[in-house]
Every structure is written in C-alpha cells, then in structure tokens.
All heavy atoms as atom14 arrays in JSON, in Angstrom:
{
  "sequence": "NGIILFTTPNEEDMSINEVCCPECNTIFHRHGHVRIFSVDSLVNL",
  "atom14_mask": [
    [1, 1, 1, 1, 1, 1, 1, 1, 0, 0, 0, 0, 0, 0],
    [1, 1, 1, 1, 0, 0, 0, 0, 0, 0, 0, 0, 0, 0],
    [1, 1, 1, 1, 1, 1, 1, 1, 0, 0, 0, 0, 0, 0],
    [1, 1, 1, 1, 1, 1, 1, 1, 0, 0, 0, 0, 0, 0],
    [1, 1, 1, 1, 1, 1, 1, 1, 0, 0, 0, 0, 0, 0],
    [1, 1, 1, 1, 1, 1, 1, 1, 1, 1, 1, 0, 0, 0],
    [1, 1, 1, 1, 1, 1, 1, 0, 0, 0, 0, 0, 0, 0],
    [1, 1, 1, 1, 1, 1, 1, 0, 0, 0, 0, 0, 0, 0],
    [1, 1, 1, 1, 1, 1, 1, 0, 0, 0, 0, 0, 0, 0],
    [1, 1, 1, 1, 1, 1, 1, 1, 0, 0, 0, 0, 0, 0],
    [1, 1, 1, 1, 1, 1, 1, 1, 1, 0, 0, 0, 0, 0],
    [1, 1, 1, 1, 1, 1, 1, 1, 1, 0, 0, 0, 0, 0],
    [1, 1, 1, 1, 1, 1, 1, 1, 0, 0, 0, 0, 0, 0],
    [1, 1, 1, 1, 1, 1, 1, 1, 0, 0, 0, 0, 0, 0],
    [1, 1, 1, 1, 1, 1, 0, 0, 0, 0, 0, 0, 0, 0],
    [1, 1, 1, 1, 1, 1, 1, 1, 0, 0, 0, 0, 0, 0],
    [1, 1, 1, 1, 1, 1, 1, 1, 0, 0, 0, 0, 0, 0],
    [1, 1, 1, 1, 1, 1, 1, 1, 1, 0, 0, 0, 0, 0],
    [1, 1, 1, 1, 1, 1, 1, 0, 0, 0, 0, 0, 0, 0],
    [1, 1, 1, 1, 1, 1, 0, 0, 0, 0, 0, 0, 0, 0],
    [1, 1, 1, 1, 1, 1, 0, 0, 0, 0, 0, 0, 0, 0],
    [1, 1, 1, 1, 1, 1, 1, 0, 0, 0, 0, 0, 0, 0],
    [1, 1, 1, 1, 1, 1, 1, 1, 1, 0, 0, 0, 0, 0],
    [1, 1, 1, 1, 1, 1, 0, 0, 0, 0, 0, 0, 0, 0],
    [1, 1, 1, 1, 1, 1, 1, 1, 0, 0, 0, 0, 0, 0],
    [1, 1, 1, 1, 1, 1, 1, 0, 0, 0, 0, 0, 0, 0],
    [1, 1, 1, 1, 1, 1, 1, 1, 0, 0, 0, 0, 0, 0],
    [1, 1, 1, 1, 1, 1, 1, 1, 1, 1, 1, 0, 0, 0],
    [1, 1, 1, 1, 1, 1, 1, 1, 1, 1, 0, 0, 0, 0],
    [1, 1, 1, 1, 1, 1, 1, 1, 1, 1, 1, 0, 0, 0],
    [1, 1, 1, 1, 1, 1, 1, 1, 1, 1, 0, 0, 0, 0],
    [1, 1, 1, 1, 0, 0, 0, 0, 0, 0, 0, 0, 0, 0],
    [1, 1, 1, 1, 1, 1, 1, 1, 1, 1, 0, 0, 0, 0],
    [1, 1, 1, 1, 1, 1, 1, 0, 0, 0, 0, 0, 0, 0],
    [1, 1, 1, 1, 1, 1, 1, 1, 1, 1, 1, 0, 0, 0],
    [1, 1, 1, 1, 1, 1, 1, 1, 0, 0, 0, 0, 0, 0],
    [1, 1, 1, 1, 1, 1, 1, 1, 1, 1, 1, 0, 0, 0],
    [1, 1, 1, 1, 1, 1, 0, 0, 0, 0, 0, 0, 0, 0],
    [1, 1, 1, 1, 1, 1, 1, 0, 0, 0, 0, 0, 0, 0],
    [1, 1, 1, 1, 1, 1, 1, 1, 0, 0, 0, 0, 0, 0],
    [1, 1, 1, 1, 1, 1, 0, 0, 0, 0, 0, 0, 0, 0],
    [1, 1, 1, 1, 1, 1, 1, 1, 0, 0, 0, 0, 0, 0],
    [1, 1, 1, 1, 1, 1, 1, 0, 0, 0, 0, 0, 0, 0],
    [1, 1, 1, 1, 1, 1, 1, 1, 0, 0, 0, 0, 0, 0],
    [1, 1, 1, 1, 1, 1, 1, 1, 0, 0, 0, 0, 0, 0]
  ],
  "atom14_positions": [
    [[162.1, 101.2, 56.55], [161.77, 102.62, 56.65], [162.18, 103.24, 57.98], [161.81, 104.36, 58.28], [160.29, 102.89, 56.37], [159.9, 102.47, 54.98], [160.6, 102.79, 54.02], [158.82, 101.72, 54.87], [0.0, 0.0, 0.0], [0.0, 0.0, 0.0], [0.0, 0.0, 0.0], [0.0, 0.0, 0.0], [0.0, 0.0, 0.0], [0.0, 0.0, 0.0]],
    [[162.95, 102.49, 58.79], [163.47, 103.04, 60.04], [164.47, 104.14, 59.75], [165.01, 104.24, 58.65], [0.0, 0.0, 0.0], [0.0, 0.0, 0.0], [0.0, 0.0, 0.0], [0.0, 0.0, 0.0], [0.0, 0.0, 0.0], [0.0, 0.0, 0.0], [0.0, 0.0, 0.0], [0.0, 0.0, 0.0], [0.0, 0.0, 0.0], [0.0, 0.0, 0.0]],
    [[164.74, 104.95, 60.75], [165.58, 106.13, 60.61], [166.92, 105.9, 61.29], [166.98, 105.38, 62.4], [164.89, 107.36, 61.2], [163.61, 107.65, 60.4], [165.81, 108.56, 61.23], [162.67, 108.6, 61.07], [0.0, 0.0, 0.0], [0.0, 0.0, 0.0], [0.0, 0.0, 0.0], [0.0, 0.0, 0.0], [0.0, 0.0, 0.0], [0.0, 0.0, 0.0]],
    [[167.98, 106.29, 60.6], [169.32, 106.26, 61.19], [169.84, 107.68, 61.24], [169.65, 108.46, 60.31], [170.28, 105.32, 60.42], [171.56, 105.12, 61.2], [170.52, 105.8, 59.01], [172.34, 103.88, 60.82], [0.0, 0.0, 0.0], [0.0, 0.0, 0.0], [0.0, 0.0, 0.0], [0.0, 0.0, 0.0], [0.0, 0.0, 0.0], [0.0, 0.0, 0.0]],
    [[170.43, 108.04, 62.37], [170.94, 109.38, 62.57], [172.38, 109.3, 63.05], [172.69, 108.57, 63.99], [170.08, 110.1, 63.63], [170.49, 111.53, 63.89], [169.33, 112.45, 63.57], [170.92, 111.7, 65.34], [0.0, 0.0, 0.0], [0.0, 0.0, 0.0], [0.0, 0.0, 0.0], [0.0, 0.0, 0.0], [0.0, 0.0, 0.0], [0.0, 0.0, 0.0]],
    [[173.27, 110.0, 62.35], [174.68, 110.08, 62.71], [175.06, 111.52, 62.97], [174.55, 112.42, 62.31], [175.57, 109.58, 61.56], [175.74, 108.1, 61.49], [174.95, 107.35, 60.64], [176.69, 107.46, 62.26], [175.1, 105.98, 60.55], [176.85, 106.08, 62.19], [176.05, 105.34, 61.33], [0.0, 0.0, 0.0], [0.0, 0.0, 0.0], [0.0, 0.0, 0.0]],
    [[175.98, 111.73, 63.91], [176.67, 113.01, 64.02], [178.16, 112.7, 64.02], [178.59, 111.64, 64.48], [176.31, 113.78, 65.3], [176.79, 113.08, 66.45], [174.8, 114.01, 65.4], [0.0, 0.0, 0.0], [0.0, 0.0, 0.0], [0.0, 0.0, 0.0], [0.0, 0.0, 0.0], [0.0, 0.0, 0.0], [0.0, 0.0, 0.0], [0.0, 0.0, 0.0]],
    [[178.94, 113.62, 63.49], [180.39, 113.43, 63.39], [181.03, 114.79, 63.11], [180.34, 115.71, 62.64], [180.73, 112.42, 62.26], [182.11, 112.12, 62.28], [180.32, 112.91, 60.89], [0.0, 0.0, 0.0], [0.0, 0.0, 0.0], [0.0, 0.0, 0.0], [0.0, 0.0, 0.0], [0.0, 0.0, 0.0], [0.0, 0.0, 0.0], [0.0, 0.0, 0.0]],
    [[182.31, 114.95, 63.38], [182.96, 116.2, 62.99], [182.87, 116.42, 61.47], [182.87, 115.46, 60.69], [184.42, 115.99, 63.43], [184.32, 115.03, 64.56], [183.21, 114.09, 64.17], [0.0, 0.0, 0.0], [0.0, 0.0, 0.0], [0.0, 0.0, 0.0], [0.0, 0.0, 0.0], [0.0, 0.0, 0.0], [0.0, 0.0, 0.0], [0.0, 0.0, 0.0]],
    [[182.81, 117.66, 61.08], [182.68, 118.05, 59.67], [184.03, 118.54, 59.14], [184.54, 119.55, 59.61], [181.64, 119.17, 59.55], [181.39, 119.58, 58.12], [181.74, 118.9, 57.18], [180.75, 120.73, 57.96], [0.0, 0.0, 0.0], [0.0, 0.0, 0.0], [0.0, 0.0, 0.0], [0.0, 0.0, 0.0], [0.0, 0.0, 0.0], [0.0, 0.0, 0.0]],
    [[184.59, 117.78, 58.2], [185.84, 118.15, 57.55], [186.9, 118.57, 58.58], [187.57, 119.59, 58.44], [185.61, 119.24, 56.51], [184.69, 118.78, 55.38], [184.52, 119.82, 54.28], [185.36, 120.73, 54.16], [183.54, 119.71, 53.54], [0.0, 0.0, 0.0], [0.0, 0.0, 0.0], [0.0, 0.0, 0.0], [0.0, 0.0, 0.0], [0.0, 0.0, 0.0]],
    [[187.04, 117.74, 59.57], [187.98, 118.0, 60.66], [189.42, 118.06, 60.17], [189.85, 117.25, 59.36], [187.83, 116.88, 61.69], [188.8, 116.97, 62.83], [188.71, 115.79, 63.78], [188.2, 114.72, 63.38], [189.14, 115.96, 64.92], [0.0, 0.0, 0.0], [0.0, 0.0, 0.0], [0.0, 0.0, 0.0], [0.0, 0.0, 0.0], [0.0, 0.0, 0.0]],
    [[190.18, 119.01, 60.68], [191.62, 119.06, 60.42], [192.27, 118.17, 61.48], [192.49, 118.58, 62.61], [192.12, 120.5, 60.54], [193.61, 120.62, 60.29], [194.31, 119.58, 60.18], [194.1, 121.77, 60.23], [0.0, 0.0, 0.0], [0.0, 0.0, 0.0], [0.0, 0.0, 0.0], [0.0, 0.0, 0.0], [0.0, 0.0, 0.0], [0.0, 0.0, 0.0]],
    [[192.57, 116.94, 61.1], [193.09, 115.95, 62.04], [194.43, 116.39, 62.65], [194.75, 116.03, 63.77], [193.26, 114.6, 61.36], [191.95, 114.02, 60.84], [191.06, 113.1, 62.06], [191.82, 111.52, 61.89], [0.0, 0.0, 0.0], [0.0, 0.0, 0.0], [0.0, 0.0, 0.0], [0.0, 0.0, 0.0], [0.0, 0.0, 0.0], [0.0, 0.0, 0.0]],
    [[195.2, 117.18, 61.91], [196.53, 117.57, 62.41], [196.45, 118.43, 63.67], [197.38, 118.45, 64.47], [197.31, 118.28, 61.32], [196.7, 119.52, 61.0], [0.0, 0.0, 0.0], [0.0, 0.0, 0.0], [0.0, 0.0, 0.0], [0.0, 0.0, 0.0], [0.0, 0.0, 0.0], [0.0, 0.0, 0.0], [0.0, 0.0, 0.0], [0.0, 0.0, 0.0]],
    [[195.35, 119.13, 63.86], [195.21, 119.99, 65.03], [195.24, 119.18, 66.32], [195.73, 119.64, 67.35], [193.89, 120.81, 64.95], [194.01, 121.84, 63.83], [193.55, 121.47, 66.27], [192.73, 122.57, 63.52], [0.0, 0.0, 0.0], [0.0, 0.0, 0.0], [0.0, 0.0, 0.0], [0.0, 0.0, 0.0], [0.0, 0.0, 0.0], [0.0, 0.0, 0.0]],
    [[194.72, 117.95, 66.28], [194.65, 117.12, 67.47], [195.65, 115.96, 67.47], [195.45, 114.98, 68.18], [193.23, 116.6, 67.66], [192.32, 117.67, 68.2], [192.57, 118.21, 69.27], [191.29, 118.01, 67.44], [0.0, 0.0, 0.0], [0.0, 0.0, 0.0], [0.0, 0.0, 0.0], [0.0, 0.0, 0.0], [0.0, 0.0, 0.0], [0.0, 0.0, 0.0]],
    [[196.7, 116.07, 66.67], [197.73, 115.03, 66.68], [198.59, 115.15, 67.93], [198.96, 116.26, 68.33], [198.63, 115.13, 65.45], [198.02, 114.57, 64.21], [198.97, 114.64, 63.03], [200.03, 115.32, 63.11], [198.66, 114.01, 62.01], [0.0, 0.0, 0.0], [0.0, 0.0, 0.0], [0.0, 0.0, 0.0], [0.0, 0.0, 0.0], [0.0, 0.0, 0.0]],
    [[198.87, 114.02, 68.54], [199.78, 113.97, 69.67], [200.77, 112.83, 69.43], [200.51, 111.93, 68.64], [199.04, 113.77, 71.02], [198.21, 114.99, 71.36], [198.18, 112.54, 71.0], [0.0, 0.0, 0.0], [0.0, 0.0, 0.0], [0.0, 0.0, 0.0], [0.0, 0.0, 0.0], [0.0, 0.0, 0.0], [0.0, 0.0, 0.0], [0.0, 0.0, 0.0]],
    [[201.87, 112.89, 70.14], [202.9, 111.86, 69.97], [203.1, 111.15, 71.3], [203.26, 111.79, 72.34], [204.19, 112.53, 69.52], [205.54, 111.36, 69.24], [0.0, 0.0, 0.0], [0.0, 0.0, 0.0], [0.0, 0.0, 0.0], [0.0, 0.0, 0.0], [0.0, 0.0, 0.0], [0.0, 0.0, 0.0], [0.0, 0.0, 0.0], [0.0, 0.0, 0.0]],
    [[203.08, 109.84, 71.26], [203.34, 109.03, 72.45], [204.83, 109.16, 72.8], [205.68, 108.87, 71.95], [202.98, 107.57, 72.2], [203.42, 106.49, 73.57], [0.0, 0.0, 0.0], [0.0, 0.0, 0.0], [0.0, 0.0, 0.0], [0.0, 0.0, 0.0], [0.0, 0.0, 0.0], [0.0, 0.0, 0.0], [0.0, 0.0, 0.0], [0.0, 0.0, 0.0]],
    [[205.14, 109.57, 74.03], [206.56, 109.72, 74.39], [207.3, 108.38, 74.53], [208.52, 108.35, 74.46], [206.5, 110.45, 75.73], [205.15, 110.17, 76.27], [204.25, 109.97, 75.09], [0.0, 0.0, 0.0], [0.0, 0.0, 0.0], [0.0, 0.0, 0.0], [0.0, 0.0, 0.0], [0.0, 0.0, 0.0], [0.0, 0.0, 0.0], [0.0, 0.0, 0.0]],
    [[206.55, 107.3, 74.66], [207.18, 105.98, 74.81], [207.6, 105.37, 73.47], [208.68, 104.83, 73.34], [206.22, 105.02, 75.52], [205.87, 105.42, 76.94], [207.06, 105.29, 77.87], [207.83, 104.32, 77.74], [207.22, 106.17, 78.73], [0.0, 0.0, 0.0], [0.0, 0.0, 0.0], [0.0, 0.0, 0.0], [0.0, 0.0, 0.0], [0.0, 0.0, 0.0]],
    [[206.68, 105.44, 72.49], [206.95, 104.74, 71.22], [207.03, 105.67, 70.01], [207.22, 105.22, 68.89], [205.9, 103.67, 70.99], [204.24, 104.33, 70.7], [0.0, 0.0, 0.0], [0.0, 0.0, 0.0], [0.0, 0.0, 0.0], [0.0, 0.0, 0.0], [0.0, 0.0, 0.0], [0.0, 0.0, 0.0], [0.0, 0.0, 0.0], [0.0, 0.0, 0.0]],
    [[206.8, 106.96, 70.23], [206.85, 107.98, 69.18], [205.76, 107.81, 68.12], [205.88, 108.33, 67.01], [208.22, 108.03, 68.51], [209.28, 108.54, 69.45], [209.02, 109.44, 70.24], [210.46, 107.95, 69.38], [0.0, 0.0, 0.0], [0.0, 0.0, 0.0], [0.0, 0.0, 0.0], [0.0, 0.0, 0.0], [0.0, 0.0, 0.0], [0.0, 0.0, 0.0]],
    [[204.69, 107.08, 68.45], [203.56, 106.95, 67.54], [202.73, 108.22, 67.58], [202.43, 108.74, 68.65], [202.68, 105.75, 67.94], [203.47, 104.57, 67.89], [201.48, 105.61, 67.02], [0.0, 0.0, 0.0], [0.0, 0.0, 0.0], [0.0, 0.0, 0.0], [0.0, 0.0, 0.0], [0.0, 0.0, 0.0], [0.0, 0.0, 0.0], [0.0, 0.0, 0.0]],
    [[202.37, 108.71, 66.4], [201.51, 109.89, 66.31], [200.08, 109.39, 66.14], [199.8, 108.51, 65.33], [201.93, 110.79, 65.13], [203.33, 111.33, 65.39], [200.93, 111.92, 64.94], [203.92, 112.12, 64.25], [0.0, 0.0, 0.0], [0.0, 0.0, 0.0], [0.0, 0.0, 0.0], [0.0, 0.0, 0.0], [0.0, 0.0, 0.0], [0.0, 0.0, 0.0]],
    [[199.18, 109.95, 66.95], [197.78, 109.56, 66.88], [196.9, 110.75, 67.2], [197.37, 111.79, 67.67], [197.5, 108.38, 67.83], [197.8, 108.7, 69.28], [196.8, 109.14, 70.12], [199.09, 108.55, 69.78], [197.07, 109.44, 71.45], [199.37, 108.84, 71.11], [198.36, 109.3, 71.95], [0.0, 0.0, 0.0], [0.0, 0.0, 0.0], [0.0, 0.0, 0.0]],
    [[195.61, 110.61, 66.92], [194.64, 111.67, 67.19], [194.27, 111.65, 68.66], [193.94, 110.6, 69.22], [193.39, 111.45, 66.31], [192.43, 112.6, 66.35], [191.49, 112.74, 67.35], [192.26, 113.64, 65.5], [190.78, 113.84, 67.12], [191.22, 114.39, 66.01], [0.0, 0.0, 0.0], [0.0, 0.0, 0.0], [0.0, 0.0, 0.0], [0.0, 0.0, 0.0]],
    [[194.32, 112.76, 69.28], [194.05, 112.92, 70.71], [192.73, 112.26, 71.15], [192.63, 111.73, 72.24], [194.04, 114.41, 71.03], [193.49, 114.83, 72.35], [193.47, 116.36, 72.52], [194.57, 117.07, 71.92], [195.76, 117.29, 72.5], [195.99, 116.85, 73.7], [196.69, 117.97, 71.87], [0.0, 0.0, 0.0], [0.0, 0.0, 0.0], [0.0, 0.0, 0.0]],
    [[191.72, 112.27, 70.29], [190.41, 111.72, 70.63], [190.14, 110.38, 69.94], [189.03, 109.86, 70.0], [189.3, 112.72, 70.28], [189.5, 114.06, 70.92], [189.45, 114.27, 72.27], [189.8, 115.26, 70.37], [189.69, 115.54, 72.54], [189.91, 116.16, 71.4], [0.0, 0.0, 0.0], [0.0, 0.0, 0.0], [0.0, 0.0, 0.0], [0.0, 0.0, 0.0]],
    [[191.13, 109.86, 69.25], [190.99, 108.55, 68.61], [190.27, 108.57, 67.27], [189.82, 107.54, 66.79], [0.0, 0.0, 0.0], [0.0, 0.0, 0.0], [0.0, 0.0, 0.0], [0.0, 0.0, 0.0], [0.0, 0.0, 0.0], [0.0, 0.0, 0.0], [0.0, 0.0, 0.0], [0.0, 0.0, 0.0], [0.0, 0.0, 0.0], [0.0, 0.0, 0.0]],
    [[190.15, 109.74, 66.65], [189.52, 109.8, 65.34], [190.44, 109.18, 64.29], [191.65, 109.45, 64.29], [189.2, 111.24, 64.94], [188.22, 111.89, 65.87], [187.85, 113.21, 65.72], [187.54, 111.44, 66.95], [186.99, 113.53, 66.66], [186.79, 112.47, 67.42], [0.0, 0.0, 0.0], [0.0, 0.0, 0.0], [0.0, 0.0, 0.0], [0.0, 0.0, 0.0]],
    [[189.87, 108.38, 63.41], [190.67, 107.73, 62.37], [190.18, 108.06, 60.96], [190.77, 107.61, 59.99], [190.71, 106.19, 62.56], [191.4, 105.83, 63.86], [189.32, 105.57, 62.49], [0.0, 0.0, 0.0], [0.0, 0.0, 0.0], [0.0, 0.0, 0.0], [0.0, 0.0, 0.0], [0.0, 0.0, 0.0], [0.0, 0.0, 0.0], [0.0, 0.0, 0.0]],
    [[189.08, 108.81, 60.86], [188.55, 109.16, 59.54], [187.93, 110.55, 59.58], [187.51, 111.02, 60.63], [187.55, 108.12, 59.04], [186.37, 107.9, 59.92], [185.39, 106.81, 59.43], [186.01, 105.52, 59.4], [186.25, 104.84, 58.27], [185.9, 105.3, 57.11], [186.83, 103.67, 58.32], [0.0, 0.0, 0.0], [0.0, 0.0, 0.0], [0.0, 0.0, 0.0]],
    [[187.87, 111.16, 58.42], [187.32, 112.51, 58.25], [186.1, 112.4, 57.34], [186.14, 111.67, 56.34], [188.36, 113.44, 57.59], [189.62, 113.53, 58.45], [187.77, 114.81, 57.33], [190.79, 114.19, 57.73], [0.0, 0.0, 0.0], [0.0, 0.0, 0.0], [0.0, 0.0, 0.0], [0.0, 0.0, 0.0], [0.0, 0.0, 0.0], [0.0, 0.0, 0.0]],
    [[185.06, 113.15, 57.66], [183.86, 113.17, 56.82], [183.53, 114.59, 56.38], [183.71, 115.55, 57.12], [182.65, 112.61, 57.57], [182.69, 111.13, 57.74], [183.05, 110.58, 58.94], [182.36, 110.29, 56.68], [183.09, 109.2, 59.11], [182.4, 108.92, 56.83], [182.77, 108.38, 58.04], [0.0, 0.0, 0.0], [0.0, 0.0, 0.0], [0.0, 0.0, 0.0]],
    [[183.0, 114.66, 55.15], [182.36, 115.85, 54.62], [180.92, 115.43, 54.33], [180.59, 114.24, 54.44], [183.04, 116.29, 53.32], [182.85, 115.29, 52.32], [0.0, 0.0, 0.0], [0.0, 0.0, 0.0], [0.0, 0.0, 0.0], [0.0, 0.0, 0.0], [0.0, 0.0, 0.0], [0.0, 0.0, 0.0], [0.0, 0.0, 0.0], [0.0, 0.0, 0.0]],
    [[180.09, 116.37, 53.97], [178.72, 116.01, 53.6], [178.75, 114.95, 52.51], [178.1, 113.91, 52.61], [177.91, 117.26, 53.14], [176.59, 116.85, 52.51], [177.68, 118.21, 54.3], [0.0, 0.0, 0.0], [0.0, 0.0, 0.0], [0.0, 0.0, 0.0], [0.0, 0.0, 0.0], [0.0, 0.0, 0.0], [0.0, 0.0, 0.0], [0.0, 0.0, 0.0]],
    [[179.53, 115.18, 51.45], [179.57, 114.25, 50.32], [180.09, 112.87, 50.71], [179.53, 111.85, 50.32], [180.42, 114.8, 49.18], [179.76, 116.0, 48.49], [178.54, 116.16, 48.61], [180.5, 116.77, 47.84], [0.0, 0.0, 0.0], [0.0, 0.0, 0.0], [0.0, 0.0, 0.0], [0.0, 0.0, 0.0], [0.0, 0.0, 0.0], [0.0, 0.0, 0.0]],
    [[181.18, 112.84, 51.5], [181.74, 111.52, 51.83], [180.82, 110.72, 52.75], [180.73, 109.51, 52.62], [183.14, 111.66, 52.44], [183.1, 112.29, 53.7], [0.0, 0.0, 0.0], [0.0, 0.0, 0.0], [0.0, 0.0, 0.0], [0.0, 0.0, 0.0], [0.0, 0.0, 0.0], [0.0, 0.0, 0.0], [0.0, 0.0, 0.0], [0.0, 0.0, 0.0]],
    [[180.12, 111.4, 53.66], [179.2, 110.69, 54.54], [177.98, 110.18, 53.76], [177.58, 109.03, 53.91], [178.77, 111.58, 55.71], [177.92, 110.92, 56.79], [178.56, 109.66, 57.36], [177.61, 111.93, 57.91], [0.0, 0.0, 0.0], [0.0, 0.0, 0.0], [0.0, 0.0, 0.0], [0.0, 0.0, 0.0], [0.0, 0.0, 0.0], [0.0, 0.0, 0.0]],
    [[177.43, 111.02, 52.91], [176.3, 110.6, 52.07], [176.72, 109.43, 51.18], [176.01, 108.42, 51.08], [175.77, 111.77, 51.22], [174.83, 111.27, 50.12], [175.06, 112.78, 52.1], [0.0, 0.0, 0.0], [0.0, 0.0, 0.0], [0.0, 0.0, 0.0], [0.0, 0.0, 0.0], [0.0, 0.0, 0.0], [0.0, 0.0, 0.0], [0.0, 0.0, 0.0]],
    [[177.89, 109.52, 50.55], [178.37, 108.44, 49.68], [178.53, 107.13, 50.44], [178.11, 106.07, 49.97], [179.68, 108.82, 49.0], [179.5, 109.88, 47.95], [178.41, 110.1, 47.44], [180.58, 110.57, 47.64], [0.0, 0.0, 0.0], [0.0, 0.0, 0.0], [0.0, 0.0, 0.0], [0.0, 0.0, 0.0], [0.0, 0.0, 0.0], [0.0, 0.0, 0.0]],
    [[179.13, 107.19, 51.63], [179.31, 105.99, 52.43], [177.97, 105.36, 52.79], [177.79, 104.15, 52.64], [180.09, 106.31, 53.72], [180.28, 105.14, 54.68], [181.19, 104.07, 54.06], [180.83, 105.63, 56.01], [0.0, 0.0, 0.0], [0.0, 0.0, 0.0], [0.0, 0.0, 0.0], [0.0, 0.0, 0.0], [0.0, 0.0, 0.0], [0.0, 0.0, 0.0]]
  ]
}
C-alpha cells in the first residue's frame, strides 16, 4: 500500500530537442530523453 509518485514530460515533441554530435553525426535528445509518455501510456506501463 506504499505510494509511488512519478513526474515526466507530457507528450513531449522529442524533435524539438534533437541535436547532432559534430564528431559522429549521431542525433540524440539534448536532455537524454529516450521515451515519451502520455497519461494513457504511463498508466498502462
């Protein structure tokens, strides 16, 4: 009956924070986000 509390971005548009490494040309999220959540997807998970 313990409580778990999460916060996360809501339906984030990952493309807004995409950056490209000038050394290897890898595209990644500026803040290291690798997944997107909505209310439904977080509840389901």
